[in-house]
Amino acid sequence: MARKLDRDGMFYKNRYTFVSVIVILGMYFIAQSYYDPSSIVRTGAAVVAGEGTPDIGGEFSAVNHKGQPFTEDNLQGKYSLVFFGFTHCPDICPTALSVLSDVYTGLSPKHQSNLQVIMASVDPLRDTVETMGEYVPAFHESFIGLTGTEAQMKEMAKAYLVYFAKHPADKDGNYTVDHSGYIYLIGPDGRYVKHFSHKDTADDIRQSLQSYLTK
């Protein structure tokens, strides 16, 4: 009897362990999908009807690194690479901007004239116009930095399905911001085309861009 109970107990233990693994894997899939703008889990109903593409982008209001108003209207007429980050970012943002610099400088002058590269701040409290004016053009003089009020940048991030979360400040007032690191390609009509991730190299992005810029 004792052996039977032990065997049954082991059966139930293994069954619950299996269920736990399934639950954990399911939660991981949902978490990963939530931060992937192309995922049905993340976009849900936010898909352009009949086109199967996520409804990324739309209206926003910000100022560029020169203090000039900048809205979705400024995306019209050119392709745009839009990246969300912040100037105090220790690694992801400078790496992404360095890659974008390599992408841009590797394009022909004709293709460069049909493309703008934009970094929008997820930390507007510290990313003032002056700060963005020093930081973003340092990667390329033609790059555009966007900032604004916290409400404005939150709304822009929401429109682009960008996740970000500010960490509590330490005793010296320093803090960091977690954020998704996708680079969005927006078409001359202001609509989402595709996105790139940290896995894409400068050559990958440039090759993909050229197929659009030559149209």
C-alpha atoms as a PDB file:
ATOM      1  CA  MET A   1       0.000   0.000   0.000  1.00  0.00           C
ATOM      2  CA  ALA A   2       2.817   2.371   0.875  1.00  0.00           C
ATOM      3  CA  ARG A   3       4.496   1.702  -2.450  1.00  0.00           C
ATOM      4  CA  LYS A   4       1.238   2.321  -4.308  1.00  0.00           C
ATOM      5  CA  LEU A   5       0.747   5.627  -2.569  1.00  0.00           C
ATOM      6  CA  ASP A   6       4.318   6.603  -3.343  1.00  0.00           C
ATOM      7  CA  ARG A   7       3.824   5.714  -6.977  1.00  0.00           C
ATOM      8  CA  ASP A   8       0.560   7.683  -7.143  1.00  0.00           C
ATOM      9  CA  GLY A   9       2.169  10.577  -5.350  1.00  0.00           C
ATOM     10  CA  MET A  10       4.992  10.620  -7.879  1.00  0.00           C
ATOM     11  CA  PHE A  11       2.456  10.489 -10.696  1.00  0.00           C
ATOM     12  CA  TYR A  12       0.628  13.528  -9.387  1.00  0.00           C
ATOM     13  CA  LYS A  13       3.886  15.353  -8.710  1.00  0.00           C
ATOM     14  CA  ASN A  14       5.082  14.763 -12.280  1.00  0.00           C
ATOM     15  CA  ARG A  15       1.719  15.770 -13.681  1.00  0.00           C
ATOM     16  CA  TYR A  16       1.752  19.079 -11.814  1.00  0.00           C
ATOM     17  CA  THR A  17       5.363  19.672 -12.816  1.00  0.00           C
ATOM     18  CA  PHE A  18       4.384  19.187 -16.452  1.00  0.00           C
ATOM     19  CA  VAL A  19       1.471  21.596 -16.093  1.00  0.00           C
ATOM     20  CA  SER A  20       3.782  24.160 -14.447  1.00  0.00           C
ATOM     21  CA  VAL A  21       6.198  23.958 -17.373  1.00  0.00           C
ATOM     22  CA  ILE A  22       3.350  24.502 -19.844  1.00  0.00           C
ATOM     23  CA  VAL A  23       2.115  27.524 -17.860  1.00  0.00           C
ATOM     24  CA  ILE A  24       5.615  29.037 -17.690  1.00  0.00           C
ATOM     25  CA  LEU A  25       6.174  28.547 -21.426  1.00  0.00           C
ATOM     26  CA  GLY A  26       2.795  30.075 -22.152  1.00  0.00           C
ATOM     27  CA  MET A  27       3.579  33.130 -20.027  1.00  0.00           C
ATOM     28  CA  TYR A  28       6.955  33.494 -21.760  1.00  0.00           C
ATOM     29  CA  PHE A  29       5.303  33.391 -25.194  1.00  0.00           C
ATOM     30  CA  ILE A  30       2.774  36.037 -24.185  1.00  0.00           C
ATOM     31  CA  ALA A  31       5.472  38.297 -22.686  1.00  0.00           C
ATOM     32  CA  GLN A  32       7.652  38.003 -25.801  1.00  0.00           C
ATOM     33  CA  SER A  33       4.701  38.563 -28.105  1.00  0.00           C
ATOM     34  CA  TYR A  34       3.536  41.619 -26.200  1.00  0.00           C
ATOM     35  CA  TYR A  35       6.704  43.494 -27.056  1.00  0.00           C
ATOM     36  CA  ASP A  36       6.799  42.370 -30.671  1.00  0.00           C
ATOM     37  CA  PRO A  37       4.797  44.896 -32.708  1.00  0.00           C
ATOM     38  CA  SER A  38       4.135  42.329 -35.423  1.00  0.00           C
ATOM     39  CA  SER A  39       2.567  39.891 -32.997  1.00  0.00           C
ATOM     40  CA  ILE A  40      -1.166  39.268 -32.891  1.00  0.00           C
ATOM     41  CA  VAL A  41      -0.902  39.040 -29.090  1.00  0.00           C
ATOM     42  CA  ARG A  42       0.644  42.501 -28.952  1.00  0.00           C
ATOM     43  CA  THR A  43      -1.479  44.232 -31.535  1.00  0.00           C
ATOM     44  CA  GLY A  44      -4.774  42.463 -30.977  1.00  0.00           C
ATOM     45  CA  ALA A  45      -7.379  44.534 -32.792  1.00  0.00           C
ATOM     46  CA  ALA A  46      -4.792  47.162 -33.727  1.00  0.00           C
ATOM     47  CA  VAL A  47      -4.320  45.779 -37.213  1.00  0.00           C
ATOM     48  CA  VAL A  48      -4.989  47.660 -40.410  1.00  0.00           C
ATOM     49  CA  ALA A  49      -8.141  46.124 -41.838  1.00  0.00           C
ATOM     50  CA  GLY A  50      -7.487  43.905 -44.844  1.00  0.00           C
ATOM     51  CA  GLU A  51      -3.734  44.440 -44.806  1.00  0.00           C
ATOM     52  CA  GLY A  52      -2.542  42.238 -41.959  1.00  0.00           C
ATOM     53  CA  THR A  53      -0.056  44.826 -40.675  1.00  0.00           C
ATOM     54  CA  PRO A  54       0.014  46.257 -37.148  1.00  0.00           C
ATOM     55  CA  ASP A  55      -1.493  49.708 -36.745  1.00  0.00           C
ATOM     56  CA  ILE A  56       1.721  51.437 -35.680  1.00  0.00           C
ATOM     57  CA  GLY A  57       2.150  55.206 -35.801  1.00  0.00           C
ATOM     58  CA  GLY A  58      -0.387  57.975 -36.176  1.00  0.00           C
ATOM     59  CA  GLU A  59      -0.835  61.391 -34.653  1.00  0.00           C
ATOM     60  CA  PHE A  60       1.725  62.811 -32.232  1.00  0.00           C
ATOM     61  CA  SER A  61       3.094  66.174 -31.203  1.00  0.00           C
ATOM     62  CA  ALA A  62       6.703  66.801 -30.169  1.00  0.00           C
ATOM     63  CA  VAL A  63       9.608  69.177 -30.766  1.00  0.00           C
ATOM     64  CA  ASN A  64      12.847  68.371 -32.535  1.00  0.00           C
ATOM     65  CA  HIS A  65      16.341  68.916 -31.171  1.00  0.00           C
ATOM     66  CA  LYS A  66      16.267  72.461 -32.544  1.00  0.00           C
ATOM     67  CA  GLY A  67      13.126  73.323 -30.598  1.00  0.00           C
ATOM     68  CA  GLN A  68      10.863  73.285 -33.656  1.00  0.00           C
ATOM     69  CA  PRO A  69       7.416  71.632 -33.633  1.00  0.00           C
ATOM     70  CA  PHE A  70       7.424  68.139 -35.104  1.00  0.00           C
ATOM     71  CA  THR A  71       4.318  66.046 -35.799  1.00  0.00           C
ATOM     72  CA  GLU A  72       3.257  63.115 -37.942  1.00  0.00           C
ATOM     73  CA  ASP A  73       3.032  65.577 -40.836  1.00  0.00           C
ATOM     74  CA  ASN A  74       6.831  65.790 -40.851  1.00  0.00           C
ATOM     75  CA  LEU A  75       6.968  62.107 -41.787  1.00  0.00           C
ATOM     76  CA  GLN A  76       5.211  62.746 -45.088  1.00  0.00           C
ATOM     77  CA  GLY A  77       7.195  62.575 -48.317  1.00  0.00           C
ATOM     78  CA  LYS A  78      10.172  60.543 -47.047  1.00  0.00           C
ATOM     79  CA  TYR A  79      10.899  57.186 -45.520  1.00  0.00           C
ATOM     80  CA  SER A  80      11.666  57.441 -41.812  1.00  0.00           C
ATOM     81  CA  LEU A  81      13.516  55.186 -39.405  1.00  0.00           C
ATOM     82  CA  VAL A  82      12.049  55.867 -35.963  1.00  0.00           C
ATOM     83  CA  PHE A  83      13.759  54.655 -32.805  1.00  0.00           C
ATOM     84  CA  PHE A  84      12.725  55.263 -29.191  1.00  0.00           C
ATOM     85  CA  GLY A  85      15.425  55.713 -26.562  1.00  0.00           C
ATOM     86  CA  PHE A  86      17.024  58.133 -24.108  1.00  0.00           C
ATOM     87  CA  THR A  87      20.332  59.941 -23.806  1.00  0.00           C
ATOM     88  CA  HIS A  88      21.324  58.333 -20.481  1.00  0.00           C
ATOM     89  CA  CYS A  89      20.900  54.848 -21.966  1.00  0.00           C
ATOM     90  CA  PRO A  90      24.095  52.868 -21.271  1.00  0.00           C
ATOM     91  CA  ASP A  91      24.132  50.483 -24.222  1.00  0.00           C
ATOM     92  CA  ILE A  92      21.045  49.778 -26.341  1.00  0.00           C
ATOM     93  CA  CYS A  93      20.520  53.347 -27.576  1.00  0.00           C
ATOM     94  CA  PRO A  94      24.093  54.268 -28.505  1.00  0.00           C
ATOM     95  CA  THR A  95      24.487  50.876 -30.156  1.00  0.00           C
ATOM     96  CA  ALA A  96      21.303  51.324 -32.184  1.00  0.00           C
ATOM     97  CA  LEU A  97      22.249  54.861 -33.209  1.00  0.00           C
ATOM     98  CA  SER A  98      25.732  53.703 -34.197  1.00  0.00           C
ATOM     99  CA  VAL A  99      24.178  50.995 -36.375  1.00  0.00           C
ATOM    100  CA  LEU A 100      21.828  53.557 -37.915  1.00  0.00           C
ATOM    101  CA  SER A 101      24.797  55.823 -38.572  1.00  0.00           C
ATOM    102  CA  ASP A 102      26.511  52.982 -40.437  1.00  0.00           C
ATOM    103  CA  VAL A 103      23.305  52.343 -42.355  1.00  0.00           C
ATOM    104  CA  TYR A 104      22.857  55.971 -43.351  1.00  0.00           C
ATOM    105  CA  THR A 105      26.456  56.669 -44.337  1.00  0.00           C
ATOM    106  CA  GLY A 106      26.457  53.533 -46.468  1.00  0.00           C
ATOM    107  CA  LEU A 107      23.579  54.793 -48.594  1.00  0.00           C
ATOM    108  CA  SER A 108      23.977  56.816 -51.758  1.00  0.00           C
ATOM    109  CA  PRO A 109      23.316  60.591 -51.542  1.00  0.00           C
ATOM    110  CA  LYS A 110      20.101  60.041 -53.516  1.00  0.00           C
ATOM    111  CA  HIS A 111      18.847  57.456 -51.038  1.00  0.00           C
ATOM    112  CA  GLN A 112      19.926  59.585 -48.078  1.00  0.00           C
ATOM    113  CA  SER A 113      17.807  62.431 -49.386  1.00  0.00           C
ATOM    114  CA  ASN A 114      14.769  60.167 -49.248  1.00  0.00           C
ATOM    115  CA  LEU A 115      15.325  59.012 -45.662  1.00  0.00           C
ATOM    116  CA  GLN A 116      15.262  60.606 -42.223  1.00  0.00           C
ATOM    117  CA  VAL A 117      16.464  58.959 -39.013  1.00  0.00           C
ATOM    118  CA  ILE A 118      14.641  59.898 -35.823  1.00  0.00           C
ATOM    119  CA  MET A 119      15.208  59.141 -32.148  1.00  0.00           C
ATOM    120  CA  ALA A 120      12.210  59.898 -29.920  1.00  0.00           C
ATOM    121  CA  SER A 121      12.856  60.197 -26.191  1.00  0.00           C
ATOM    122  CA  VAL A 122      11.221  58.006 -23.554  1.00  0.00           C
ATOM    123  CA  ASP A 123      12.855  60.178 -20.881  1.00  0.00           C
ATOM    124  CA  PRO A 124      11.804  63.748 -21.734  1.00  0.00           C
ATOM    125  CA  LEU A 125      12.381  64.911 -18.165  1.00  0.00           C
ATOM    126  CA  ARG A 126      16.140  64.711 -18.711  1.00  0.00           C
ATOM    127  CA  ASP A 127      16.164  64.777 -22.523  1.00  0.00           C
ATOM    128  CA  THR A 128      15.658  68.482 -23.051  1.00  0.00           C
ATOM    129  CA  VAL A 129      15.960  70.146 -26.443  1.00  0.00           C
ATOM    130  CA  GLU A 130      19.525  71.139 -25.587  1.00  0.00           C
ATOM    131  CA  THR A 131      20.455  67.635 -24.452  1.00  0.00           C
ATOM    132  CA  MET A 132      18.976  66.037 -27.549  1.00  0.00           C
ATOM    133  CA  GLY A 133      20.692  68.663 -29.673  1.00  0.00           C
ATOM    134  CA  GLU A 134      24.062  67.548 -28.362  1.00  0.00           C
ATOM    135  CA  TYR A 135      23.394  63.829 -28.286  1.00  0.00           C
ATOM    136  CA  VAL A 136      21.537  62.766 -31.439  1.00  0.00           C
ATOM    137  CA  PRO A 137      23.477  64.738 -34.120  1.00  0.00           C
ATOM    138  CA  ALA A 138      26.701  63.371 -32.619  1.00  0.00           C
ATOM    139  CA  PHE A 139      25.881  60.087 -34.379  1.00  0.00           C
ATOM    140  CA  HIS A 140      25.103  61.891 -37.643  1.00  0.00           C
ATOM    141  CA  GLU A 141      24.478  65.552 -38.282  1.00  0.00           C
ATOM    142  CA  SER A 142      21.288  64.821 -40.214  1.00  0.00           C
ATOM    143  CA  PHE A 143      19.686  62.707 -37.471  1.00  0.00           C
ATOM    144  CA  ILE A 144      16.654  64.168 -35.703  1.00  0.00           C
ATOM    145  CA  GLY A 145      15.986  64.024 -31.970  1.00  0.00           C
ATOM    146  CA  LEU A 146      12.449  64.367 -30.648  1.00  0.00           C
ATOM    147  CA  THR A 147      11.332  65.304 -27.157  1.00  0.00           C
ATOM    148  CA  GLY A 148       8.463  67.132 -25.481  1.00  0.00           C
ATOM    149  CA  THR A 149       6.390  66.917 -22.345  1.00  0.00           C
ATOM    150  CA  GLU A 150       6.038  63.595 -20.563  1.00  0.00           C
ATOM    151  CA  ALA A 151       2.424  63.377 -21.763  1.00  0.00           C
ATOM    152  CA  GLN A 152       3.414  64.061 -25.379  1.00  0.00           C
ATOM    153  CA  MET A 153       6.146  61.437 -25.482  1.00  0.00           C
ATOM    154  CA  LYS A 154       3.971  58.911 -23.687  1.00  0.00           C
ATOM    155  CA  GLU A 155       1.284  59.385 -26.322  1.00  0.00           C
ATOM    156  CA  MET A 156       3.811  59.030 -29.140  1.00  0.00           C
ATOM    157  CA  ALA A 157       5.210  55.839 -27.595  1.00  0.00           C
ATOM    158  CA  LYS A 158       1.682  54.502 -27.236  1.00  0.00           C
ATOM    159  CA  ALA A 159       0.953  55.228 -30.900  1.00  0.00           C
ATOM    160  CA  TYR A 160       4.048  53.226 -31.868  1.00  0.00           C
ATOM    161  CA  LEU A 161       3.261  50.385 -29.436  1.00  0.00           C
ATOM    162  CA  VAL A 162       6.491  51.082 -27.583  1.00  0.00           C
ATOM    163  CA  TYR A 163       6.934  49.667 -24.108  1.00  0.00           C
ATOM    164  CA  PHE A 164       8.916  51.694 -21.565  1.00  0.00           C
ATOM    165  CA  ALA A 165       9.131  51.770 -17.779  1.00  0.00           C
ATOM    166  CA  LYS A 166      11.090  54.152 -15.573  1.00  0.00           C
ATOM    167  CA  HIS A 167      13.016  52.595 -12.689  1.00  0.00           C
ATOM    168  CA  PRO A 168      12.961  54.237  -9.249  1.00  0.00           C
ATOM    169  CA  ALA A 169      15.755  56.768  -8.784  1.00  0.00           C
ATOM    170  CA  ASP A 170      18.663  55.962  -6.488  1.00  0.00           C
ATOM    171  CA  LYS A 171      19.779  58.157  -3.602  1.00  0.00           C
ATOM    172  CA  ASP A 172      21.606  60.445  -6.037  1.00  0.00           C
ATOM    173  CA  GLY A 173      18.558  60.867  -8.252  1.00  0.00           C
ATOM    174  CA  ASN A 174      19.901  58.664 -11.041  1.00  0.00           C
ATOM    175  CA  TYR A 175      17.601  56.230 -12.802  1.00  0.00           C
ATOM    176  CA  THR A 176      17.296  54.206 -15.957  1.00  0.00           C
ATOM    177  CA  VAL A 177      14.425  53.392 -18.286  1.00  0.00           C
ATOM    178  CA  ASP A 178      13.577  49.981 -19.682  1.00  0.00           C
ATOM    179  CA  HIS A 179      12.209  50.169 -23.212  1.00  0.00           C
ATOM    180  CA  SER A 180      11.658  48.096 -26.307  1.00  0.00           C
ATOM    181  CA  GLY A 181      14.342  48.602 -28.913  1.00  0.00           C
ATOM    182  CA  TYR A 182      12.647  48.193 -32.273  1.00  0.00           C
ATOM    183  CA  ILE A 183      13.482  50.473 -35.180  1.00  0.00           C
ATOM    184  CA  TYR A 184      10.407  51.283 -37.231  1.00  0.00           C
ATOM    185  CA  LEU A 185      10.427  51.963 -40.951  1.00  0.00           C
ATOM    186  CA  ILE A 186       7.671  54.433 -41.793  1.00  0.00           C
ATOM    187  CA  GLY A 187       6.715  55.045 -45.411  1.00  0.00           C
ATOM    188  CA  PRO A 188       6.376  58.393 -47.215  1.00  0.00           C
ATOM    189  CA  ASP A 189       2.647  58.209 -46.500  1.00  0.00           C
ATOM    190  CA  GLY A 190       3.354  58.146 -42.771  1.00  0.00           C
ATOM    191  CA  ARG A 191       2.320  54.523 -42.366  1.00  0.00           C
ATOM    192  CA  TYR A 192       4.213  51.613 -40.830  1.00  0.00           C
ATOM    193  CA  VAL A 193       6.131  49.438 -43.302  1.00  0.00           C
ATOM    194  CA  LYS A 194       8.204  47.077 -41.165  1.00  0.00           C
ATOM    195  CA  HIS A 195      10.522  47.031 -38.169  1.00  0.00           C
ATOM    196  CA  PHE A 196      14.054  45.947 -37.323  1.00  0.00           C
ATOM    197  CA  SER A 197      15.447  44.536 -34.095  1.00  0.00           C
ATOM    198  CA  HIS A 198      18.839  44.405 -32.390  1.00  0.00           C
ATOM    199  CA  LYS A 199      19.518  41.182 -34.314  1.00  0.00           C
ATOM    200  CA  ASP A 200      19.586  43.068 -37.614  1.00  0.00           C
ATOM    201  CA  THR A 201      23.014  44.291 -38.701  1.00  0.00           C
ATOM    202  CA  ALA A 202      23.699  47.537 -40.528  1.00  0.00           C
ATOM    203  CA  ASP A 203      24.082  45.555 -43.751  1.00  0.00           C
ATOM    204  CA  ASP A 204      20.744  43.803 -43.161  1.00  0.00           C
ATOM    205  CA  ILE A 205      18.931  47.086 -42.618  1.00  0.00           C
ATOM    206  CA  ARG A 206      20.648  48.873 -45.501  1.00  0.00           C
ATOM    207  CA  GLN A 207      19.871  46.081 -47.936  1.00  0.00           C
ATOM    208  CA  SER A 208      16.228  46.069 -46.880  1.00  0.00           C
ATOM    209  CA  LEU A 209      16.001  49.866 -47.110  1.00  0.00           C
ATOM    210  CA  GLN A 210      17.435  49.997 -50.600  1.00  0.00           C
ATOM    211  CA  SER A 211      14.604  47.830 -51.878  1.00  0.00           C
ATOM    212  CA  TYR A 212      12.203  50.567 -50.760  1.00  0.00           C
ATOM    213  CA  LEU A 213      14.282  53.654 -51.512  1.00  0.00           C
ATOM    214  CA  THR A 214      14.818  52.647 -55.125  1.00  0.00           C
ATOM    215  CA  LYS A 215      11.084  52.409 -55.840  1.00  0.00           C
END
